[in-house]
Amino acid sequence: MPNEKDSRARVTEEEKFIFNTADTCRFFQISRETLSSWQKKGAPKEARGKWNIKALMEWRYTGKNAESSETRKLRAEADLKEAKAAQEKIKLGVTQQEYIPASVIQSELARLLGNVKKSLLSMGHNIASDLAALDPEMVTIAKNEVDKRINDALLELSEGRLYRGRAKKKTQK
């Protein structure tokens, strides 16, 4: 730090300590080039050749110098280049037919889900056929219950809800 009598610092009414460039460099024990570099990184400066030591110390030692506008610009340019590279990679994948068109996936899923629906809806009839040798009244009840639950499940799934299989409501006696 400069000596009290050697210092040409001014104390303003706002308690700012304004030093010239030479005294600021001596205060921080740095070169003019370093101070210039700090300025490029966003260090606060009062005027040409005048530095507020208090603001400069806060900037330097509280982490406010972490990213200057120049650094942010470089980071933004790098991010843009990465995004463009990712787009080009996708375009290349499309031209090399690494991706399946959405229309093909939609039609295939519709076909598969149609088969699942058909199989599920025929389950009640299949169960009734297997149990036909037993009590015919119970076969009808079982078939109706299976059909009802499958239809409920398909209806809820078609509406975007999760089927949980509702339990029968208890009847009051």
Protein backbone atom coordinates (compact mmCIF):
# COMPACT_ATOMS: atom_id res chain seq x y z
CA MET A 1 0.00 0.00 0.00
CA PRO A 2 1.25 3.48 -0.65
CA ASN A 3 2.34 5.59 2.28
CA GLU A 4 -0.07 8.20 3.56
CA LYS A 5 2.18 11.13 2.64
CA ASP A 6 3.18 9.67 -0.76
CA SER A 7 -0.35 8.91 -1.83
CA ARG A 8 -2.06 11.21 -4.25
CA ALA A 9 -5.45 9.59 -3.56
CA ARG A 10 -8.51 11.70 -3.20
CA VAL A 11 -11.22 10.86 -0.70
CA THR A 12 -14.55 11.96 -2.11
CA GLU A 13 -17.73 12.76 -0.26
CA GLU A 14 -18.97 9.20 -0.92
CA GLU A 15 -15.91 7.64 0.73
CA LYS A 16 -14.45 6.56 -2.59
CA PHE A 17 -10.70 6.30 -2.81
CA ILE A 18 -9.69 7.45 -6.28
CA PHE A 19 -6.11 6.64 -7.32
CA ASN A 20 -4.34 7.32 -10.55
CA THR A 21 -3.09 4.38 -12.64
CA ALA A 22 0.46 4.40 -11.25
CA ASP A 23 -0.71 4.46 -7.63
CA THR A 24 -3.32 1.79 -8.32
CA CYS A 25 -0.64 -0.48 -9.81
CA ARG A 26 1.60 0.18 -6.81
CA PHE A 27 -1.29 -0.48 -4.41
CA PHE A 28 -2.05 -3.91 -5.95
CA GLN A 29 1.62 -4.55 -6.79
CA ILE A 30 0.79 -5.23 -10.42
CA SER A 31 1.91 -3.93 -13.81
CA ARG A 32 0.03 -1.52 -16.05
CA GLU A 33 -0.61 -4.41 -18.45
CA THR A 34 -2.34 -6.39 -15.69
CA LEU A 35 -4.49 -3.38 -14.78
CA SER A 36 -5.38 -2.97 -18.45
CA SER A 37 -6.28 -6.66 -18.61
CA TRP A 38 -8.50 -6.24 -15.55
CA GLN A 39 -10.25 -3.33 -17.27
CA LYS A 40 -10.95 -5.53 -20.32
CA LYS A 41 -12.43 -8.14 -17.99
CA GLY A 42 -14.84 -5.60 -16.51
CA ALA A 43 -12.96 -3.93 -13.65
CA PRO A 44 -14.65 -0.70 -12.53
CA LYS A 45 -12.89 2.50 -13.59
CA GLU A 46 -13.87 6.03 -12.61
CA ALA A 47 -12.36 7.95 -15.52
CA ARG A 48 -9.35 7.91 -17.80
CA GLY A 49 -6.41 7.06 -15.59
CA LYS A 50 -8.54 7.15 -12.40
CA TRP A 51 -9.46 4.07 -10.39
CA ASN A 52 -11.78 3.65 -7.38
CA ILE A 53 -9.68 1.38 -5.15
CA LYS A 54 -12.62 0.32 -3.00
CA ALA A 55 -14.74 -0.72 -6.00
CA LEU A 56 -11.72 -2.36 -7.64
CA MET A 57 -11.00 -4.41 -4.50
CA GLU A 58 -14.64 -5.52 -4.30
CA TRP A 59 -14.56 -6.49 -7.97
CA ARG A 60 -11.27 -8.34 -7.64
CA TYR A 61 -11.80 -10.18 -4.35
CA THR A 62 -15.55 -10.88 -4.20
CA GLY A 63 -15.71 -12.85 -7.43
CA LYS A 64 -17.47 -10.17 -9.44
CA ASN A 65 -14.69 -10.49 -12.01
CA ALA A 66 -15.64 -14.09 -12.73
CA GLU A 67 -16.93 -13.45 -16.22
CA SER A 68 -16.44 -10.38 -18.34
CA SER A 69 -18.48 -9.43 -21.36
CA GLU A 70 -15.63 -10.70 -23.55
CA THR A 71 -15.71 -14.08 -21.80
CA ARG A 72 -19.50 -14.27 -22.08
CA LYS A 73 -19.25 -13.50 -25.79
CA LEU A 74 -16.68 -16.26 -26.31
CA ARG A 75 -18.82 -18.70 -24.32
CA ALA A 76 -21.91 -17.78 -26.36
CA GLU A 77 -20.00 -18.28 -29.61
CA ALA A 78 -18.75 -21.67 -28.43
CA ASP A 79 -22.30 -22.69 -27.43
CA LEU A 80 -23.59 -21.61 -30.84
CA LYS A 81 -20.92 -23.67 -32.59
CA GLU A 82 -21.80 -26.71 -30.48
CA ALA A 83 -25.50 -26.30 -31.30
CA LYS A 84 -24.75 -26.00 -35.02
CA ALA A 85 -22.55 -29.10 -34.85
CA ALA A 86 -25.37 -31.02 -33.16
CA GLN A 87 -27.79 -29.89 -35.89
CA GLU A 88 -25.38 -31.01 -38.59
CA LYS A 89 -24.99 -34.38 -36.89
CA ILE A 90 -28.77 -34.85 -36.94
CA LYS A 91 -28.95 -33.80 -40.60
CA LEU A 92 -26.21 -36.28 -41.44
CA GLY A 93 -28.07 -39.02 -39.56
CA VAL A 94 -31.23 -38.24 -41.54
CA THR A 95 -29.39 -38.41 -44.86
CA GLN A 96 -27.79 -41.70 -43.85
CA GLN A 97 -31.23 -43.01 -42.81
CA GLU A 98 -30.24 -43.59 -39.18
CA TYR A 99 -33.62 -42.26 -38.05
CA ILE A 100 -37.05 -43.78 -38.60
CA PRO A 101 -39.71 -41.36 -39.89
CA ALA A 102 -42.45 -40.56 -37.37
CA SER A 103 -45.17 -41.70 -39.81
CA VAL A 104 -43.65 -45.20 -39.97
CA ILE A 105 -43.50 -45.42 -36.17
CA GLN A 106 -47.09 -44.18 -35.83
CA SER A 107 -48.47 -46.70 -38.30
CA GLU A 108 -46.50 -49.57 -36.74
CA LEU A 109 -47.65 -48.65 -33.22
CA ALA A 110 -51.26 -48.38 -34.41
CA ARG A 111 -51.00 -51.84 -35.95
CA LEU A 112 -49.43 -53.38 -32.82
CA LEU A 113 -51.89 -51.72 -30.44
CA GLY A 114 -54.78 -52.86 -32.65
CA ASN A 115 -53.53 -56.45 -32.30
CA VAL A 116 -53.26 -56.06 -28.53
CA LYS A 117 -56.82 -54.69 -28.35
CA LYS A 118 -58.17 -57.55 -30.48
CA SER A 119 -56.38 -60.14 -28.30
CA LEU A 120 -57.61 -58.60 -25.07
CA LEU A 121 -61.20 -58.33 -26.28
CA SER A 122 -61.23 -62.00 -27.29
CA MET A 123 -59.94 -63.11 -23.88
CA GLY A 124 -63.42 -63.28 -22.29
CA HIS A 125 -64.69 -65.57 -25.07
CA ASN A 126 -61.58 -67.78 -24.80
CA ILE A 127 -62.04 -68.15 -21.04
CA ALA A 128 -65.71 -69.02 -21.51
CA SER A 129 -64.79 -71.70 -24.06
CA ASP A 130 -62.23 -73.23 -21.71
CA LEU A 131 -64.67 -73.32 -18.80
CA ALA A 132 -67.73 -74.47 -20.80
CA ALA A 133 -67.65 -77.96 -19.28
CA LEU A 134 -68.13 -76.47 -15.80
CA ASP A 135 -71.11 -74.60 -14.45
CA PRO A 136 -72.64 -72.66 -17.42
CA GLU A 137 -73.92 -69.91 -15.13
CA MET A 138 -70.44 -69.29 -13.68
CA VAL A 139 -68.95 -69.29 -17.20
CA THR A 140 -71.26 -66.44 -18.20
CA ILE A 141 -70.43 -64.47 -15.05
CA ALA A 142 -66.66 -64.98 -15.59
CA LYS A 143 -66.89 -63.98 -19.27
CA ASN A 144 -68.87 -60.82 -18.47
CA GLU A 145 -66.46 -59.82 -15.67
CA VAL A 146 -63.38 -60.31 -17.86
CA ASP A 147 -64.99 -58.40 -20.74
CA LYS A 148 -66.01 -55.56 -18.43
CA ARG A 149 -62.53 -55.18 -16.90
CA ILE A 150 -60.81 -55.31 -20.29
CA ASN A 151 -63.18 -52.71 -21.75
CA ASP A 152 -62.65 -50.47 -18.69
CA ALA A 153 -58.88 -50.79 -19.03
CA LEU A 154 -58.93 -50.01 -22.75
CA LEU A 155 -61.24 -47.04 -22.21
CA GLU A 156 -59.03 -45.56 -19.47
CA LEU A 157 -55.86 -46.10 -21.51
CA SER A 158 -57.46 -44.44 -24.55
CA GLU A 159 -58.27 -41.42 -22.35
CA GLY A 160 -54.69 -41.22 -21.13
CA ARG A 161 -55.40 -42.48 -17.62
CA LEU A 162 -53.67 -45.33 -15.84
CA TYR A 163 -55.86 -48.39 -15.36
CA ARG A 164 -55.76 -49.73 -11.81
CA GLY A 165 -58.58 -52.29 -11.88
CA ARG A 166 -61.42 -51.09 -9.75
CA ALA A 167 -62.56 -53.30 -6.92
CA LYS A 168 -66.25 -54.07 -6.64
CA LYS A 169 -68.20 -51.67 -4.49
CA LYS A 170 -69.37 -53.16 -1.24
CA THR A 171 -73.14 -53.32 -1.01
CA GLN A 172 -74.79 -52.13 2.14
CA LYS A 173 -76.81 -54.72 4.05
